[in-house]
Amino acid sequence: MSQVTSGVRGLLSLPLVYEACQRVMGAKRGREWIARDLIRPFSGMRILDLGCGPAQILGYLPSDVTYVGYDMSPEYITAASERFSGRGTFHCRRLEHAEVATLQPFDLVMGIGVLHHLDDSTARQFMKLAKAALKPGGRTMTLDPCFCERQNPIARLLISKDRGQHVRTEEGYRALAEGTFSAIAGAVAHQAWIPYTHWTMECSA
């Protein structure tokens, strides 16, 4: 995983600092949108969140979904476990292909803010692992900052300072899923204030 963890950006590794910055960026409205329009939860839905962080999105999901989160940060997993005890299962490690076969398949595998931290080879492996974890008819959803034409200059500047070192264009993100998924859909989403640009991608076999 390629990310800047020194200086001011390194402070984002602390859950309280990360959450404070997220609130400034309009996280509540954003998470409501993610839950409603991208996750689209239903009763009994099984969700696998790779790179779940402190799992704040779980606070916007109904209680009758099954949520399993993986993250490499002990601080994030501790925060998730303390806040959402009984609501989800949290693992402080990388999910490997060998472990996927031991898990009950999922309706949705998601990576929120993950791909822009991964180089192309690792990101393609992420997509393959996600597909292997899906039920028939399941889908993979990702959300990441992106660069695009006629982008708000403030948004471009903020994104250029992101901890992740692999922010891509729409075409760059699509290329990561090609060859693994047969159906790839996505859209550029512009946030007006604070200006920011995301690429949302939904993939299915």
N, C-alpha and C. Protein backbone atom coordinates (compact mmCIF):
# COMPACT_ATOMS: atom_id res chain seq x y z
N MET A 1 0.85 -1.19 0.00
CA MET A 1 0.00 0.00 0.00
C MET A 1 0.88 1.23 0.00
N SER A 2 0.61 2.18 -0.92
CA SER A 2 1.41 3.39 -1.03
C SER A 2 0.63 4.58 -0.50
N GLN A 3 1.09 5.13 0.62
CA GLN A 3 0.45 6.32 1.15
C GLN A 3 1.47 7.10 1.96
N VAL A 4 1.23 8.40 2.10
CA VAL A 4 2.08 9.26 2.90
C VAL A 4 1.63 9.16 4.34
N THR A 5 2.55 8.80 5.24
CA THR A 5 2.20 8.64 6.65
C THR A 5 3.07 9.52 7.55
N SER A 6 3.69 10.53 6.95
CA SER A 6 4.52 11.43 7.73
C SER A 6 3.90 12.82 7.74
N GLY A 7 4.35 13.66 8.68
CA GLY A 7 3.88 15.03 8.74
C GLY A 7 2.40 15.11 9.08
N VAL A 8 1.76 16.17 8.60
CA VAL A 8 0.34 16.40 8.91
C VAL A 8 -0.52 15.25 8.42
N ARG A 9 -0.22 14.72 7.23
CA ARG A 9 -1.04 13.64 6.69
C ARG A 9 -0.94 12.38 7.53
N GLY A 10 0.17 12.21 8.23
CA GLY A 10 0.32 11.05 9.10
C GLY A 10 -0.65 11.07 10.26
N LEU A 11 -1.10 12.26 10.66
CA LEU A 11 -2.06 12.37 11.76
C LEU A 11 -3.39 11.71 11.43
N LEU A 12 -3.68 11.56 10.13
CA LEU A 12 -4.95 10.95 9.72
C LEU A 12 -5.00 9.46 10.07
N SER A 13 -3.86 8.90 10.47
CA SER A 13 -3.85 7.51 10.92
C SER A 13 -4.51 7.37 12.28
N LEU A 14 -4.69 8.50 12.99
CA LEU A 14 -5.35 8.49 14.29
C LEU A 14 -6.86 8.62 14.08
N PRO A 15 -7.66 7.68 14.59
CA PRO A 15 -9.10 7.69 14.31
C PRO A 15 -9.80 9.00 14.65
N LEU A 16 -9.47 9.63 15.78
CA LEU A 16 -10.15 10.87 16.15
C LEU A 16 -9.82 12.00 15.19
N VAL A 17 -8.57 12.09 14.76
CA VAL A 17 -8.16 13.11 13.80
C VAL A 17 -8.81 12.84 12.45
N TYR A 18 -8.80 11.58 12.04
CA TYR A 18 -9.41 11.20 10.77
C TYR A 18 -10.89 11.57 10.74
N GLU A 19 -11.60 11.25 11.83
CA GLU A 19 -13.03 11.53 11.87
C GLU A 19 -13.30 13.03 11.87
N ALA A 20 -12.47 13.80 12.58
CA ALA A 20 -12.64 15.25 12.60
C ALA A 20 -12.48 15.84 11.20
N CYS A 21 -11.48 15.37 10.46
CA CYS A 21 -11.26 15.85 9.09
C CYS A 21 -12.41 15.43 8.19
N GLN A 22 -12.93 14.23 8.41
CA GLN A 22 -14.06 13.77 7.62
C GLN A 22 -15.30 14.64 7.85
N ARG A 23 -15.52 15.04 9.08
CA ARG A 23 -16.67 15.90 9.38
C ARG A 23 -16.55 17.24 8.67
N VAL A 24 -15.33 17.80 8.68
CA VAL A 24 -15.11 19.07 8.00
C VAL A 24 -15.42 18.94 6.51
N MET A 25 -15.10 17.78 5.94
CA MET A 25 -15.31 17.54 4.51
C MET A 25 -16.76 17.15 4.17
N GLY A 26 -17.64 17.17 5.16
CA GLY A 26 -19.04 16.84 4.89
C GLY A 26 -19.32 15.36 4.90
N ALA A 27 -18.67 14.63 5.81
CA ALA A 27 -18.75 13.18 5.80
C ALA A 27 -20.17 12.66 6.05
N LYS A 28 -20.93 13.31 6.92
CA LYS A 28 -22.27 12.80 7.23
C LYS A 28 -23.13 12.74 5.97
N ARG A 29 -23.16 13.81 5.22
CA ARG A 29 -23.95 13.84 3.99
C ARG A 29 -23.40 12.82 2.99
N GLY A 30 -22.08 12.72 2.93
CA GLY A 30 -21.46 11.77 2.01
C GLY A 30 -21.78 10.33 2.36
N ARG A 31 -21.74 10.00 3.64
CA ARG A 31 -22.03 8.62 4.04
C ARG A 31 -23.49 8.28 3.84
N GLU A 32 -24.36 9.25 4.04
CA GLU A 32 -25.78 9.00 3.76
C GLU A 32 -25.97 8.67 2.28
N TRP A 33 -25.27 9.39 1.42
CA TRP A 33 -25.34 9.12 -0.03
C TRP A 33 -24.77 7.76 -0.36
N ILE A 34 -23.63 7.42 0.24
CA ILE A 34 -23.01 6.11 -0.01
C ILE A 34 -23.96 4.98 0.38
N ALA A 35 -24.54 5.09 1.57
CA ALA A 35 -25.44 4.03 2.04
C ALA A 35 -26.68 3.92 1.16
N ARG A 36 -27.28 5.06 0.85
CA ARG A 36 -28.56 5.06 0.11
C ARG A 36 -28.38 4.67 -1.35
N ASP A 37 -27.39 5.29 -2.03
CA ASP A 37 -27.30 5.15 -3.48
C ASP A 37 -26.27 4.13 -3.96
N LEU A 38 -25.24 3.89 -3.16
CA LEU A 38 -24.18 2.97 -3.60
C LEU A 38 -24.30 1.60 -2.95
N ILE A 39 -24.50 1.56 -1.64
CA ILE A 39 -24.64 0.26 -0.97
C ILE A 39 -26.02 -0.33 -1.21
N ARG A 40 -27.05 0.49 -1.08
CA ARG A 40 -28.45 0.08 -1.27
C ARG A 40 -28.78 -1.16 -0.42
N PRO A 41 -28.73 -1.00 0.89
CA PRO A 41 -28.90 -2.17 1.78
C PRO A 41 -30.29 -2.76 1.75
N PHE A 42 -30.37 -4.04 2.05
CA PHE A 42 -31.64 -4.74 2.19
C PHE A 42 -31.53 -5.72 3.35
N SER A 43 -32.64 -6.17 3.83
CA SER A 43 -32.67 -7.07 4.98
C SER A 43 -31.88 -8.34 4.71
N GLY A 44 -30.96 -8.67 5.61
CA GLY A 44 -30.16 -9.88 5.47
C GLY A 44 -28.95 -9.72 4.56
N MET A 45 -28.71 -8.55 4.05
CA MET A 45 -27.59 -8.31 3.13
C MET A 45 -26.26 -8.63 3.82
N ARG A 46 -25.37 -9.28 3.09
CA ARG A 46 -24.02 -9.58 3.58
C ARG A 46 -23.03 -8.63 2.89
N ILE A 47 -22.30 -7.88 3.72
CA ILE A 47 -21.39 -6.85 3.22
C ILE A 47 -19.99 -7.14 3.70
N LEU A 48 -19.04 -7.15 2.78
CA LEU A 48 -17.62 -7.27 3.10
C LEU A 48 -16.96 -5.94 2.77
N ASP A 49 -16.37 -5.31 3.78
CA ASP A 49 -15.74 -3.99 3.61
C ASP A 49 -14.23 -4.16 3.75
N LEU A 50 -13.54 -4.04 2.63
CA LEU A 50 -12.08 -4.20 2.60
C LEU A 50 -11.43 -2.83 2.73
N GLY A 51 -10.62 -2.67 3.78
CA GLY A 51 -10.09 -1.36 4.09
C GLY A 51 -11.15 -0.54 4.81
N CYS A 52 -11.77 -1.15 5.81
CA CYS A 52 -12.96 -0.57 6.44
C CYS A 52 -12.66 0.64 7.30
N GLY A 53 -11.39 0.85 7.69
CA GLY A 53 -11.08 1.96 8.58
C GLY A 53 -11.84 1.82 9.89
N PRO A 54 -12.31 2.92 10.49
CA PRO A 54 -13.09 2.83 11.73
C PRO A 54 -14.53 2.38 11.51
N ALA A 55 -14.88 2.05 10.27
CA ALA A 55 -16.20 1.49 9.91
C ALA A 55 -17.35 2.44 10.18
N GLN A 56 -17.12 3.75 10.00
CA GLN A 56 -18.20 4.71 10.26
C GLN A 56 -19.44 4.46 9.42
N ILE A 57 -19.26 3.88 8.22
CA ILE A 57 -20.40 3.66 7.34
C ILE A 57 -21.43 2.74 8.00
N LEU A 58 -21.00 1.91 8.95
CA LEU A 58 -21.92 0.99 9.61
C LEU A 58 -23.00 1.74 10.38
N GLY A 59 -22.70 2.96 10.82
CA GLY A 59 -23.69 3.76 11.51
C GLY A 59 -24.82 4.25 10.62
N TYR A 60 -24.69 4.05 9.31
CA TYR A 60 -25.71 4.49 8.35
C TYR A 60 -26.43 3.30 7.71
N LEU A 61 -26.16 2.10 8.21
CA LEU A 61 -26.76 0.89 7.66
C LEU A 61 -27.75 0.30 8.66
N PRO A 62 -28.78 -0.39 8.18
CA PRO A 62 -29.75 -1.01 9.10
C PRO A 62 -29.10 -2.11 9.93
N SER A 63 -29.71 -2.41 11.04
CA SER A 63 -29.13 -3.36 11.99
C SER A 63 -29.20 -4.80 11.52
N ASP A 64 -30.00 -5.08 10.49
CA ASP A 64 -30.18 -6.47 10.07
C ASP A 64 -29.29 -6.85 8.89
N VAL A 65 -28.24 -6.07 8.63
CA VAL A 65 -27.24 -6.49 7.65
C VAL A 65 -26.10 -7.18 8.38
N THR A 66 -25.40 -8.06 7.68
CA THR A 66 -24.21 -8.69 8.22
C THR A 66 -23.00 -7.97 7.65
N TYR A 67 -22.18 -7.44 8.52
CA TYR A 67 -21.05 -6.59 8.10
C TYR A 67 -19.75 -7.20 8.61
N VAL A 68 -18.82 -7.41 7.67
CA VAL A 68 -17.48 -7.92 8.01
C VAL A 68 -16.45 -6.95 7.46
N GLY A 69 -15.59 -6.44 8.32
CA GLY A 69 -14.60 -5.46 7.90
C GLY A 69 -13.17 -5.91 8.15
N TYR A 70 -12.30 -5.58 7.20
CA TYR A 70 -10.87 -5.86 7.32
C TYR A 70 -10.10 -4.55 7.17
N ASP A 71 -9.10 -4.36 8.01
CA ASP A 71 -8.21 -3.20 7.87
C ASP A 71 -6.88 -3.53 8.53
N MET A 72 -5.82 -2.93 8.03
CA MET A 72 -4.48 -3.19 8.54
C MET A 72 -4.13 -2.32 9.74
N SER A 73 -4.95 -1.35 10.07
CA SER A 73 -4.64 -0.41 11.15
C SER A 73 -5.22 -0.89 12.48
N PRO A 74 -4.40 -1.20 13.46
CA PRO A 74 -4.91 -1.59 14.77
C PRO A 74 -5.76 -0.49 15.40
N GLU A 75 -5.36 0.77 15.19
CA GLU A 75 -6.11 1.88 15.76
C GLU A 75 -7.52 1.96 15.18
N TYR A 76 -7.62 1.80 13.86
CA TYR A 76 -8.93 1.85 13.22
C TYR A 76 -9.82 0.69 13.67
N ILE A 77 -9.25 -0.51 13.73
CA ILE A 77 -10.04 -1.68 14.10
C ILE A 77 -10.48 -1.59 15.56
N THR A 78 -9.62 -1.08 16.42
CA THR A 78 -10.01 -0.88 17.82
C THR A 78 -11.18 0.10 17.91
N ALA A 79 -11.08 1.20 17.16
CA ALA A 79 -12.16 2.19 17.17
C ALA A 79 -13.46 1.59 16.66
N ALA A 80 -13.39 0.80 15.59
CA ALA A 80 -14.59 0.17 15.03
C ALA A 80 -15.20 -0.81 16.02
N SER A 81 -14.36 -1.61 16.66
CA SER A 81 -14.85 -2.62 17.60
C SER A 81 -15.49 -1.98 18.82
N GLU A 82 -14.93 -0.87 19.28
CA GLU A 82 -15.49 -0.20 20.45
C GLU A 82 -16.82 0.49 20.13
N ARG A 83 -16.90 1.09 18.96
CA ARG A 83 -18.11 1.83 18.61
C ARG A 83 -19.24 0.92 18.15
N PHE A 84 -18.90 -0.15 17.44
CA PHE A 84 -19.93 -0.97 16.82
C PHE A 84 -19.90 -2.41 17.33
N SER A 85 -19.58 -2.58 18.59
CA SER A 85 -19.59 -3.91 19.19
C SER A 85 -20.96 -4.55 19.02
N GLY A 86 -20.98 -5.74 18.45
CA GLY A 86 -22.23 -6.44 18.21
C GLY A 86 -22.88 -6.13 16.88
N ARG A 87 -22.40 -5.10 16.18
CA ARG A 87 -22.99 -4.74 14.89
C ARG A 87 -22.21 -5.34 13.72
N GLY A 88 -20.94 -5.68 13.96
CA GLY A 88 -20.12 -6.18 12.87
C GLY A 88 -18.99 -7.04 13.39
N THR A 89 -18.27 -7.65 12.46
CA THR A 89 -17.08 -8.43 12.77
C THR A 89 -15.89 -7.73 12.14
N PHE A 90 -14.84 -7.50 12.92
CA PHE A 90 -13.71 -6.69 12.45
C PHE A 90 -12.41 -7.47 12.59
N HIS A 91 -11.60 -7.42 11.55
CA HIS A 91 -10.33 -8.15 11.52
C HIS A 91 -9.18 -7.20 11.21
N CYS A 92 -8.15 -7.23 12.05
CA CYS A 92 -6.98 -6.38 11.83
C CYS A 92 -5.93 -7.17 11.05
N ARG A 93 -6.19 -7.34 9.78
CA ARG A 93 -5.25 -8.02 8.89
C ARG A 93 -5.74 -7.86 7.46
N ARG A 94 -4.90 -8.25 6.53
CA ARG A 94 -5.28 -8.27 5.12
C ARG A 94 -6.03 -9.56 4.81
N LEU A 95 -7.12 -9.46 4.11
CA LEU A 95 -7.84 -10.66 3.68
C LEU A 95 -7.08 -11.28 2.51
N GLU A 96 -6.72 -12.55 2.65
CA GLU A 96 -5.99 -13.25 1.61
C GLU A 96 -6.93 -14.19 0.85
N HIS A 97 -6.51 -14.55 -0.36
CA HIS A 97 -7.35 -15.41 -1.21
C HIS A 97 -7.68 -16.73 -0.53
N ALA A 98 -6.73 -17.29 0.20
CA ALA A 98 -6.97 -18.58 0.85
C ALA A 98 -8.07 -18.49 1.89
N GLU A 99 -8.21 -17.34 2.52
CA GLU A 99 -9.24 -17.17 3.54
C GLU A 99 -10.62 -16.96 2.93
N VAL A 100 -10.66 -16.41 1.73
CA VAL A 100 -11.95 -16.12 1.10
C VAL A 100 -12.81 -17.38 1.01
N ALA A 101 -12.17 -18.51 0.70
CA ALA A 101 -12.90 -19.76 0.53
C ALA A 101 -13.55 -20.23 1.83
N THR A 102 -13.10 -19.72 2.97
CA THR A 102 -13.66 -20.12 4.25
C THR A 102 -14.84 -19.23 4.67
N LEU A 103 -15.09 -18.17 3.92
CA LEU A 103 -16.15 -17.22 4.26
C LEU A 103 -17.43 -17.51 3.48
N GLN A 104 -18.54 -17.26 4.11
CA GLN A 104 -19.81 -17.32 3.39
C GLN A 104 -19.84 -16.17 2.39
N PRO A 105 -20.23 -16.41 1.14
CA PRO A 105 -20.18 -15.36 0.11
C PRO A 105 -21.02 -14.14 0.47
N PHE A 106 -20.67 -13.03 -0.17
CA PHE A 106 -21.27 -11.74 0.16
C PHE A 106 -22.10 -11.19 -1.01
N ASP A 107 -23.10 -10.40 -0.66
CA ASP A 107 -23.89 -9.69 -1.66
C ASP A 107 -23.13 -8.49 -2.21
N LEU A 108 -22.31 -7.89 -1.35
CA LEU A 108 -21.55 -6.70 -1.74
C LEU A 108 -20.17 -6.75 -1.12
N VAL A 109 -19.16 -6.52 -1.96
CA VAL A 109 -17.80 -6.27 -1.47
C VAL A 109 -17.48 -4.83 -1.82
N MET A 110 -17.07 -4.06 -0.84
CA MET A 110 -16.81 -2.65 -1.11
C MET A 110 -15.44 -2.22 -0.61
N GLY A 111 -14.89 -1.25 -1.33
CA GLY A 111 -13.64 -0.62 -0.95
C GLY A 111 -13.83 0.88 -1.04
N ILE A 112 -14.08 1.52 0.07
CA ILE A 112 -14.32 2.95 0.10
C ILE A 112 -12.99 3.66 0.39
N GLY A 113 -12.49 4.36 -0.61
CA GLY A 113 -11.23 5.07 -0.44
C GLY A 113 -10.03 4.14 -0.35
N VAL A 114 -10.05 3.04 -1.10
CA VAL A 114 -8.98 2.05 -1.01
C VAL A 114 -8.08 2.04 -2.25
N LEU A 115 -8.67 2.02 -3.44
CA LEU A 115 -7.89 1.81 -4.65
C LEU A 115 -6.81 2.87 -4.86
N HIS A 116 -7.05 4.09 -4.43
CA HIS A 116 -6.05 5.13 -4.67
C HIS A 116 -4.84 5.01 -3.74
N HIS A 117 -4.89 4.05 -2.83
CA HIS A 117 -3.72 3.73 -2.00
C HIS A 117 -2.92 2.56 -2.57
N LEU A 118 -3.41 1.93 -3.63
CA LEU A 118 -2.80 0.71 -4.16
C LEU A 118 -2.20 0.94 -5.54
N ASP A 119 -1.03 0.35 -5.79
CA ASP A 119 -0.47 0.41 -7.14
C ASP A 119 -1.31 -0.49 -8.05
N ASP A 120 -1.06 -0.43 -9.35
CA ASP A 120 -1.93 -1.13 -10.30
C ASP A 120 -1.98 -2.63 -10.04
N SER A 121 -0.83 -3.24 -9.81
CA SER A 121 -0.80 -4.69 -9.60
C SER A 121 -1.59 -5.09 -8.36
N THR A 122 -1.39 -4.39 -7.26
CA THR A 122 -2.10 -4.70 -6.02
C THR A 122 -3.59 -4.40 -6.16
N ALA A 123 -3.93 -3.33 -6.86
CA ALA A 123 -5.34 -2.99 -7.05
C ALA A 123 -6.06 -4.06 -7.89
N ARG A 124 -5.39 -4.59 -8.90
CA ARG A 124 -6.00 -5.65 -9.69
C ARG A 124 -6.21 -6.91 -8.85
N GLN A 125 -5.28 -7.20 -7.96
CA GLN A 125 -5.45 -8.33 -7.05
C GLN A 125 -6.63 -8.08 -6.11
N PHE A 126 -6.79 -6.85 -5.70
CA PHE A 126 -7.94 -6.48 -4.86
C PHE A 126 -9.24 -6.81 -5.59
N MET A 127 -9.33 -6.45 -6.86
CA MET A 127 -10.55 -6.71 -7.62
C MET A 127 -10.79 -8.21 -7.79
N LYS A 128 -9.74 -8.97 -8.00
CA LYS A 128 -9.90 -10.42 -8.13
C LYS A 128 -10.38 -11.05 -6.83
N LEU A 129 -9.81 -10.58 -5.72
CA LEU A 129 -10.22 -11.09 -4.42
C LEU A 129 -11.68 -10.74 -4.15
N ALA A 130 -12.06 -9.51 -4.50
CA ALA A 130 -13.44 -9.08 -4.30
C ALA A 130 -14.40 -9.96 -5.08
N LYS A 131 -14.07 -10.25 -6.31
CA LYS A 131 -14.95 -11.10 -7.13
C LYS A 131 -15.08 -12.49 -6.52
N ALA A 132 -13.98 -13.03 -6.01
CA ALA A 132 -14.00 -14.37 -5.43
C ALA A 132 -14.87 -14.44 -4.19
N ALA A 133 -15.07 -13.31 -3.52
CA ALA A 133 -15.85 -13.30 -2.28
C ALA A 133 -17.34 -13.09 -2.51
N LEU A 134 -17.75 -12.87 -3.76
CA LEU A 134 -19.15 -12.53 -4.05
C LEU A 134 -20.03 -13.75 -4.25
N LYS A 135 -21.29 -13.58 -3.88
CA LYS A 135 -22.33 -14.53 -4.27
C LYS A 135 -22.58 -14.39 -5.77
N PRO A 136 -23.17 -15.39 -6.41
CA PRO A 136 -23.64 -15.19 -7.78
C PRO A 136 -24.62 -14.02 -7.80
N GLY A 137 -24.41 -13.10 -8.71
CA GLY A 137 -25.26 -11.92 -8.77
C GLY A 137 -24.83 -10.80 -7.84
N GLY A 138 -23.77 -11.03 -7.06
CA GLY A 138 -23.27 -9.99 -6.18
C GLY A 138 -22.50 -8.93 -6.94
N ARG A 139 -22.09 -7.89 -6.23
CA ARG A 139 -21.41 -6.79 -6.89
C ARG A 139 -20.30 -6.22 -6.01
N THR A 140 -19.35 -5.59 -6.66
CA THR A 140 -18.26 -4.90 -5.98
C THR A 140 -18.41 -3.41 -6.22
N MET A 141 -18.25 -2.62 -5.17
CA MET A 141 -18.39 -1.17 -5.26
C MET A 141 -17.14 -0.51 -4.70
N THR A 142 -16.61 0.45 -5.44
CA THR A 142 -15.47 1.23 -4.96
C THR A 142 -15.77 2.72 -5.07
N LEU A 143 -15.09 3.49 -4.25
CA LEU A 143 -15.24 4.94 -4.26
C LEU A 143 -13.88 5.55 -3.93
N ASP A 144 -13.40 6.41 -4.83
CA ASP A 144 -12.07 7.00 -4.65
C ASP A 144 -12.02 8.41 -5.23
N PRO A 145 -11.11 9.24 -4.72
CA PRO A 145 -10.88 10.53 -5.37
C PRO A 145 -10.35 10.32 -6.77
N CYS A 146 -10.65 11.24 -7.67
CA CYS A 146 -10.16 11.09 -9.04
C CYS A 146 -9.82 12.44 -9.64
N PHE A 147 -9.03 12.38 -10.70
CA PHE A 147 -8.72 13.55 -11.50
C PHE A 147 -9.58 13.50 -12.76
N CYS A 148 -10.05 14.65 -13.21
CA CYS A 148 -10.85 14.69 -14.43
C CYS A 148 -10.69 16.04 -15.11
N GLU A 149 -11.17 16.11 -16.34
CA GLU A 149 -11.11 17.37 -17.08
C GLU A 149 -12.05 18.40 -16.47
N ARG A 150 -11.70 19.66 -16.60
CA ARG A 150 -12.52 20.78 -16.11
C ARG A 150 -12.87 20.61 -14.63
N GLN A 151 -11.89 20.12 -13.89
CA GLN A 151 -12.10 19.88 -12.47
C GLN A 151 -11.92 21.17 -11.67
N ASN A 152 -12.72 21.33 -10.63
CA ASN A 152 -12.55 22.47 -9.75
C ASN A 152 -11.09 22.51 -9.27
N PRO A 153 -10.40 23.62 -9.42
CA PRO A 153 -8.98 23.67 -9.04
C PRO A 153 -8.74 23.41 -7.56
N ILE A 154 -9.70 23.79 -6.72
CA ILE A 154 -9.54 23.50 -5.29
C ILE A 154 -9.64 21.99 -5.05
N ALA A 155 -10.59 21.36 -5.72
CA ALA A 155 -10.73 19.91 -5.61
C ALA A 155 -9.46 19.21 -6.07
N ARG A 156 -8.92 19.65 -7.20
CA ARG A 156 -7.68 19.04 -7.72
C ARG A 156 -6.53 19.22 -6.73
N LEU A 157 -6.44 20.39 -6.14
CA LEU A 157 -5.36 20.65 -5.17
C LEU A 157 -5.51 19.75 -3.95
N LEU A 158 -6.72 19.69 -3.40
CA LEU A 158 -6.94 18.85 -2.22
C LEU A 158 -6.63 17.39 -2.51
N ILE A 159 -7.06 16.91 -3.67
CA ILE A 159 -6.84 15.51 -4.03
C ILE A 159 -5.35 15.24 -4.23
N SER A 160 -4.64 16.22 -4.77
CA SER A 160 -3.19 16.04 -4.97
C SER A 160 -2.44 15.89 -3.65
N LYS A 161 -3.06 16.34 -2.54
CA LYS A 161 -2.43 16.24 -1.22
C LYS A 161 -2.90 15.01 -0.44
N ASP A 162 -3.68 14.16 -1.07
CA ASP A 162 -4.20 12.97 -0.40
C ASP A 162 -3.06 12.05 0.02
N ARG A 163 -3.28 11.30 1.11
CA ARG A 163 -2.27 10.33 1.54
C ARG A 163 -2.01 9.27 0.48
N GLY A 164 -3.05 8.88 -0.25
CA GLY A 164 -2.90 7.87 -1.28
C GLY A 164 -2.07 8.39 -2.45
N GLN A 165 -1.16 7.58 -2.93
CA GLN A 165 -0.24 8.00 -3.99
C GLN A 165 -0.63 7.49 -5.37
N HIS A 166 -1.86 6.96 -5.50
CA HIS A 166 -2.27 6.38 -6.78
C HIS A 166 -3.66 6.86 -7.19
N VAL A 167 -3.92 8.15 -7.02
CA VAL A 167 -5.17 8.72 -7.51
C VAL A 167 -5.16 8.65 -9.04
N ARG A 168 -6.26 8.21 -9.64
CA ARG A 168 -6.31 7.96 -11.07
C ARG A 168 -7.44 8.76 -11.73
N THR A 169 -7.48 8.67 -13.04
CA THR A 169 -8.61 9.18 -13.80
C THR A 169 -9.67 8.09 -13.87
N GLU A 170 -10.83 8.43 -14.42
CA GLU A 170 -11.88 7.43 -14.63
C GLU A 170 -11.34 6.23 -15.40
N GLU A 171 -10.61 6.51 -16.47
CA GLU A 171 -10.08 5.42 -17.30
C GLU A 171 -9.11 4.55 -16.51
N GLY A 172 -8.32 5.18 -15.65
CA GLY A 172 -7.37 4.43 -14.84
C GLY A 172 -8.05 3.48 -13.88
N TYR A 173 -9.13 3.93 -13.26
CA TYR A 173 -9.85 3.05 -12.34
C TYR A 173 -10.56 1.93 -13.09
N ARG A 174 -11.18 2.25 -14.22
CA ARG A 174 -11.86 1.21 -15.01
C ARG A 174 -10.89 0.10 -15.40
N ALA A 175 -9.68 0.49 -15.76
CA ALA A 175 -8.69 -0.49 -16.22
C ALA A 175 -8.38 -1.52 -15.14
N LEU A 176 -8.52 -1.15 -13.88
CA LEU A 176 -8.22 -2.08 -12.79
C LEU A 176 -9.22 -3.23 -12.73
N ALA A 177 -10.45 -2.98 -13.16
CA ALA A 177 -11.51 -3.99 -13.10
C ALA A 177 -11.61 -4.80 -14.39
N GLU A 178 -11.10 -4.27 -15.48
CA GLU A 178 -11.19 -4.96 -16.76
C GLU A 178 -10.41 -6.27 -16.71
N GLY A 179 -11.00 -7.30 -17.27
CA GLY A 179 -10.38 -8.62 -17.25
C GLY A 179 -10.81 -9.45 -16.06
N THR A 180 -11.39 -8.80 -15.06
CA THR A 180 -11.91 -9.51 -13.89
C THR A 180 -13.43 -9.50 -13.88
N PHE A 181 -14.01 -8.34 -14.15
CA PHE A 181 -15.46 -8.19 -14.19
C PHE A 181 -15.93 -7.92 -15.61
N SER A 182 -17.07 -8.48 -15.97
CA SER A 182 -17.60 -8.28 -17.32
C SER A 182 -18.47 -7.03 -17.41
N ALA A 183 -19.04 -6.62 -16.28
CA ALA A 183 -19.89 -5.42 -16.26
C ALA A 183 -19.27 -4.40 -15.33
N ILE A 184 -18.91 -3.26 -15.88
CA ILE A 184 -18.27 -2.19 -15.10
C ILE A 184 -19.02 -0.89 -15.37
N ALA A 185 -19.59 -0.34 -14.33
CA ALA A 185 -20.30 0.94 -14.45
C ALA A 185 -19.71 1.91 -13.45
N GLY A 186 -19.80 3.19 -13.79
CA GLY A 186 -19.26 4.17 -12.85
C GLY A 186 -19.68 5.58 -13.21
N ALA A 187 -19.36 6.49 -12.31
CA ALA A 187 -19.70 7.88 -12.53
C ALA A 187 -18.77 8.77 -11.73
N VAL A 188 -18.53 9.97 -12.26
CA VAL A 188 -17.79 10.99 -11.55
C VAL A 188 -18.79 11.79 -10.71
N ALA A 189 -18.49 11.96 -9.44
CA ALA A 189 -19.36 12.71 -8.53
C ALA A 189 -18.61 13.92 -8.01
N HIS A 190 -19.18 15.09 -8.22
CA HIS A 190 -18.56 16.33 -7.78
C HIS A 190 -19.23 16.83 -6.50
N GLN A 191 -18.43 17.10 -5.51
CA GLN A 191 -18.91 17.70 -4.27
C GLN A 191 -18.69 19.20 -4.37
N ALA A 192 -19.75 19.97 -4.11
CA ALA A 192 -19.67 21.41 -4.29
C ALA A 192 -18.88 22.09 -3.18
N TRP A 193 -19.12 21.68 -1.95
CA TRP A 193 -18.43 22.31 -0.83
C TRP A 193 -18.25 21.30 0.30
N ILE A 194 -17.06 21.09 0.70
CA ILE A 194 -15.77 21.57 0.18
C ILE A 194 -15.53 20.89 -1.17
N PRO A 195 -15.04 21.63 -2.21
CA PRO A 195 -14.90 21.04 -3.54
C PRO A 195 -14.07 19.76 -3.52
N TYR A 196 -14.62 18.71 -4.12
CA TYR A 196 -13.93 17.43 -4.18
C TYR A 196 -14.55 16.61 -5.30
N THR A 197 -13.81 15.67 -5.82
CA THR A 197 -14.28 14.84 -6.93
C THR A 197 -14.01 13.37 -6.63
N HIS A 198 -15.04 12.55 -6.77
CA HIS A 198 -14.91 11.10 -6.56
C HIS A 198 -15.28 10.33 -7.83
N TRP A 199 -14.71 9.16 -7.95
CA TRP A 199 -15.12 8.21 -8.96
C TRP A 199 -15.78 7.03 -8.24
N THR A 200 -17.03 6.74 -8.58
CA THR A 200 -17.73 5.59 -8.03
C THR A 200 -17.78 4.51 -9.10
N MET A 201 -17.52 3.28 -8.70
CA MET A 201 -17.48 2.18 -9.67
C MET A 201 -18.22 0.98 -9.09
N GLU A 202 -19.06 0.38 -9.92
CA GLU A 202 -19.79 -0.83 -9.53
C GLU A 202 -19.52 -1.91 -10.57
N CYS A 203 -19.11 -3.07 -10.09
CA CYS A 203 -18.70 -4.16 -10.99
C CYS A 203 -19.44 -5.44 -10.64
N SER A 204 -19.75 -6.20 -11.67
CA SER A 204 -20.35 -7.51 -11.46
C SER A 204 -19.84 -8.45 -12.53
N ALA A 205 -19.93 -9.74 -12.23
CA ALA A 205 -19.37 -10.75 -13.13
C ALA A 205 -20.18 -10.86 -14.41
